[in-house]
Amino acid sequence: MKVSVEDIPTVPVNQKGILIRIRDDSGKTVGKLWIGNQSVRWARGTTPDMSAKRVTLRQFVDFLNQL
């Protein structure tokens, strides 16, 4: 897997949020993850942005805490 995020100590989350693109080792898109100040969206593969699954930031953090 390849994730296009650099090791940055702090990142301001503005209205557009932060976009993380995830690709497999051959460069094929696995999906896109947007982290905003109130919600997180996930679009698998080449799913259009408007069809991305959306959860609140609290739901996302709770999910991660359960792992």
Protein backbone atom coordinates (compact mmCIF):
# COMPACT_ATOMS: atom_id res chain seq x y z
CA MET A 1 0.00 0.00 0.00
CA LYS A 2 1.06 3.55 -0.66
CA VAL A 3 -0.37 6.51 1.26
CA SER A 4 0.42 10.04 0.10
CA VAL A 5 0.84 11.68 3.53
CA GLU A 6 4.08 13.09 4.85
CA ASP A 7 5.21 13.03 8.46
CA ILE A 8 3.91 16.45 9.46
CA PRO A 9 3.71 17.36 13.17
CA THR A 10 0.47 19.41 12.88
CA VAL A 11 -1.96 19.91 10.04
CA PRO A 12 -4.71 22.53 10.15
CA VAL A 13 -8.09 21.07 9.20
CA ASN A 14 -9.98 23.76 7.33
CA GLN A 15 -13.37 23.52 5.63
CA LYS A 16 -12.02 21.36 2.81
CA GLY A 17 -10.35 18.99 5.28
CA ILE A 18 -7.39 16.75 4.58
CA LEU A 19 -7.43 14.32 1.66
CA ILE A 20 -5.48 11.07 1.95
CA ARG A 21 -5.16 9.03 -1.25
CA ILE A 22 -4.38 5.35 -0.80
CA ARG A 23 -2.91 3.26 -3.62
CA ASP A 24 -1.73 -0.33 -3.80
CA ASP A 25 1.86 -1.25 -4.68
CA SER A 26 1.11 -1.14 -8.41
CA GLY A 27 -0.27 2.41 -8.15
CA LYS A 28 -3.95 1.47 -8.49
CA THR A 29 -6.27 3.61 -6.35
CA VAL A 30 -7.63 1.77 -3.28
CA GLY A 31 -9.62 4.79 -2.11
CA LYS A 32 -9.67 8.32 -0.76
CA LEU A 33 -10.15 9.39 2.85
CA TRP A 34 -11.17 12.94 3.74
CA ILE A 35 -10.79 14.09 7.32
CA GLY A 36 -12.66 17.30 8.10
CA ASN A 37 -13.36 19.20 11.29
CA GLN A 38 -16.76 17.53 11.70
CA SER A 39 -16.84 14.44 9.49
CA VAL A 40 -14.80 11.75 7.78
CA ARG A 41 -15.59 10.50 4.28
CA TRP A 42 -14.36 7.35 2.51
CA ALA A 43 -14.64 6.69 -1.22
CA ARG A 44 -13.53 3.18 -2.18
CA GLY A 45 -11.67 2.79 -5.46
CA THR A 46 -12.87 5.26 -8.05
CA THR A 47 -16.20 5.97 -6.34
CA PRO A 48 -17.26 9.56 -7.06
CA ASP A 49 -16.66 12.00 -4.22
CA MET A 50 -20.37 12.74 -3.82
CA SER A 51 -21.05 9.03 -3.18
CA ALA A 52 -18.42 8.70 -0.45
CA LYS A 53 -19.53 7.17 2.84
CA ARG A 54 -19.70 9.75 5.61
CA VAL A 55 -19.50 9.44 9.41
CA THR A 56 -19.03 12.03 12.11
CA LEU A 57 -15.55 12.56 13.43
CA ARG A 58 -16.70 11.17 16.82
CA GLN A 59 -18.02 7.97 15.14
CA PHE A 60 -14.71 7.56 13.32
CA VAL A 61 -12.67 7.97 16.51
CA ASP A 62 -14.96 5.52 18.36
CA PHE A 63 -14.48 3.01 15.53
CA LEU A 64 -10.70 3.33 15.72
CA ASN A 65 -10.76 2.94 19.49
CA GLN A 66 -12.56 -0.38 19.07
CA LEU A 67 -9.77 -1.84 16.92
